[in-house]
Amino acid sequence: INELYFTGQGDPRHKCVAIGYHRDEPVVYKFDTVDLPQGTRTTVTYNEQSVLAFFDWALAVHLGSVIKGTDRAPMTDLVMAGSVPTARAFESGRGGRERFEWRRIGDKHPFGYELFSLEPESRIGRYDPTPRELPKIGRAYAL
């Protein structure tokens, strides 16, 4: 399981930096949000070089759109119904054919989730919003 430590103001859309390791290599994801005349846009970058995606938040009653490369999809595709009522699913990876699911971690952590790959099913990550102090990172509001 890879670990990412979320730092910033506690809202992932505003100056959030996720620092961690993937296969023993350091990684950094940044989330920067700006207000535009047509709505709000969050840019997700990887290792300060590659833009991974844009989230265009709508002004109306729906979430908006996610843009990866030249593909645009409704953001609701990232929070589809999962296999249980407390889960949300999305497809990504190899041509959008790999299915993932965020599952709530019981009642003890109402805002904590575990991330599963569904084919074959295996836990690949965890989101725990408990704030903590970390050596060399400082205050992190989630793991």
Protein backbone atom coordinates (compact mmCIF):
# COMPACT_ATOMS: atom_id res chain seq x y z
CA ILE A 1 0.00 0.00 0.00
CA ASN A 2 1.35 3.40 -0.95
CA GLU A 3 1.11 6.31 1.47
CA LEU A 4 0.32 9.92 0.61
CA TYR A 5 0.30 12.63 3.26
CA PHE A 6 -2.05 15.51 2.53
CA THR A 7 -0.78 18.90 3.65
CA GLY A 8 -2.28 22.34 3.29
CA GLN A 9 -5.39 24.03 4.63
CA GLY A 10 -7.59 20.95 4.95
CA ASP A 11 -9.57 21.53 1.73
CA PRO A 12 -7.98 19.47 -1.07
CA ARG A 13 -9.09 22.00 -3.68
CA HIS A 14 -7.06 24.86 -2.19
CA LYS A 15 -3.27 24.61 -2.14
CA CYS A 16 -3.24 20.97 -1.15
CA VAL A 17 0.00 19.06 -1.59
CA ALA A 18 0.05 15.27 -1.30
CA ILE A 19 3.53 13.95 -0.54
CA GLY A 20 4.46 10.28 -0.47
CA TYR A 21 6.13 7.31 -2.07
CA HIS A 22 5.21 4.97 -4.89
CA ARG A 23 7.46 1.91 -5.22
CA ASP A 24 10.11 3.66 -3.07
CA GLU A 25 10.12 6.71 -5.37
CA PRO A 26 9.05 10.07 -3.90
CA VAL A 27 5.91 11.59 -5.44
CA VAL A 28 4.19 14.95 -5.09
CA TYR A 29 0.65 15.79 -6.22
CA LYS A 30 -0.53 19.41 -6.11
CA PHE A 31 -4.08 20.71 -6.26
CA ASP A 32 -4.47 24.38 -7.22
CA THR A 33 -7.88 26.00 -7.58
CA VAL A 34 -8.73 29.29 -9.29
CA ASP A 35 -12.02 31.07 -9.86
CA LEU A 36 -12.76 31.74 -13.52
CA PRO A 37 -15.66 33.67 -15.09
CA GLN A 38 -17.32 30.39 -16.18
CA GLY A 39 -16.75 28.60 -12.84
CA THR A 40 -13.97 27.19 -10.67
CA ARG A 41 -11.09 25.01 -11.93
CA THR A 42 -8.80 22.73 -9.93
CA THR A 43 -5.57 21.66 -11.63
CA VAL A 44 -3.93 18.43 -10.44
CA THR A 45 -0.19 18.13 -11.17
CA TYR A 46 2.25 15.28 -10.58
CA ASN A 47 5.86 15.89 -9.43
CA GLU A 48 5.53 19.56 -10.43
CA GLN A 49 5.85 18.66 -14.11
CA SER A 50 2.84 16.83 -15.50
CA VAL A 51 -0.74 18.05 -15.45
CA LEU A 52 -2.84 14.96 -14.68
CA ALA A 53 -6.32 16.43 -14.76
CA PHE A 54 -8.55 19.46 -14.48
CA PHE A 55 -11.71 19.56 -12.40
CA ASP A 56 -14.12 22.17 -13.75
CA TRP A 57 -16.62 22.80 -10.96
CA ALA A 58 -20.01 23.88 -12.25
CA LEU A 59 -21.92 26.94 -11.11
CA ALA A 60 -25.19 25.08 -11.41
CA VAL A 61 -26.55 22.12 -9.44
CA HIS A 62 -24.26 19.38 -10.85
CA LEU A 63 -20.62 18.73 -9.93
CA GLY A 64 -19.01 19.69 -13.23
CA SER A 65 -16.47 17.97 -15.48
CA VAL A 66 -13.16 16.21 -15.19
CA ILE A 67 -10.67 16.60 -18.04
CA LYS A 68 -7.83 14.08 -18.51
CA GLY A 69 -5.79 14.71 -21.63
CA THR A 70 -8.31 15.35 -24.38
CA ASP A 71 -11.12 13.42 -22.67
CA ARG A 72 -13.90 15.23 -20.81
CA ALA A 73 -16.40 13.39 -18.59
CA PRO A 74 -18.95 14.36 -15.97
CA MET A 75 -17.50 14.44 -12.47
CA THR A 76 -20.35 12.18 -11.39
CA ASP A 77 -18.41 9.37 -13.15
CA LEU A 78 -15.94 9.60 -10.24
CA VAL A 79 -18.62 8.98 -7.59
CA MET A 80 -20.84 6.28 -9.12
CA ALA A 81 -22.73 3.89 -6.84
CA GLY A 82 -20.50 1.16 -5.45
CA SER A 83 -21.08 -2.44 -4.44
CA VAL A 84 -22.41 -1.39 -1.01
CA PRO A 85 -24.36 1.75 0.03
CA THR A 86 -21.29 3.36 1.66
CA ALA A 87 -19.05 2.92 -1.41
CA ARG A 88 -18.39 5.04 -4.50
CA ALA A 89 -16.92 3.59 -7.70
CA PHE A 90 -15.03 4.96 -10.68
CA GLU A 91 -13.27 3.59 -13.75
CA SER A 92 -9.79 4.58 -14.76
CA GLY A 93 -6.45 3.08 -15.71
CA ARG A 94 -6.04 1.09 -18.85
CA GLY A 95 -8.44 2.78 -21.26
CA GLY A 96 -11.00 3.31 -18.50
CA ARG A 97 -11.46 -0.44 -18.12
CA GLU A 98 -10.12 -0.79 -14.58
CA ARG A 99 -12.73 -0.33 -11.84
CA PHE A 100 -11.97 1.10 -8.40
CA GLU A 101 -14.06 1.69 -5.33
CA TRP A 102 -13.81 3.98 -2.30
CA ARG A 103 -15.40 2.32 0.75
CA ARG A 104 -16.16 4.11 4.01
CA ILE A 105 -14.24 2.79 7.03
CA GLY A 106 -17.17 2.01 9.33
CA ASP A 107 -18.76 4.36 11.83
CA LYS A 108 -15.55 5.06 13.73
CA HIS A 109 -14.15 7.09 10.84
CA PRO A 110 -17.17 8.65 9.09
CA PHE A 111 -14.88 10.52 6.67
CA GLY A 112 -12.27 7.78 6.28
CA TYR A 113 -12.16 5.56 3.20
CA GLU A 114 -10.23 2.64 1.78
CA LEU A 115 -9.50 2.39 -1.94
CA PHE A 116 -9.91 -0.98 -3.66
CA SER A 117 -9.06 -2.23 -7.13
CA LEU A 118 -11.90 -4.56 -8.08
CA GLU A 119 -10.37 -6.90 -10.67
CA PRO A 120 -9.03 -8.77 -8.75
CA GLU A 121 -10.24 -7.18 -5.53
CA SER A 122 -7.40 -5.81 -3.43
CA ARG A 123 -7.00 -2.86 -1.08
CA ILE A 124 -4.55 -0.37 -2.56
CA GLY A 125 -4.96 2.69 -0.38
CA ARG A 126 -6.56 4.38 2.59
CA TYR A 127 -7.73 7.91 3.36
CA ASP A 128 -7.70 8.72 7.09
CA PRO A 129 -8.55 12.38 7.79
CA THR A 130 -7.05 12.38 11.30
CA PRO A 131 -4.62 15.34 11.57
CA ARG A 132 -1.09 14.43 12.66
CA GLU A 133 2.45 15.80 12.83
CA LEU A 134 4.93 13.98 10.60
CA PRO A 135 8.74 14.16 10.61
CA LYS A 136 10.17 16.03 7.59
CA ILE A 137 6.62 16.84 6.35
CA GLY A 138 5.01 18.85 9.15
CA ARG A 139 1.28 18.93 9.80
CA ALA A 140 -0.71 16.57 7.61
CA TYR A 141 -4.49 16.46 7.74
CA ALA A 142 -4.90 13.06 6.12
CA LEU A 143 -3.01 9.89 5.27
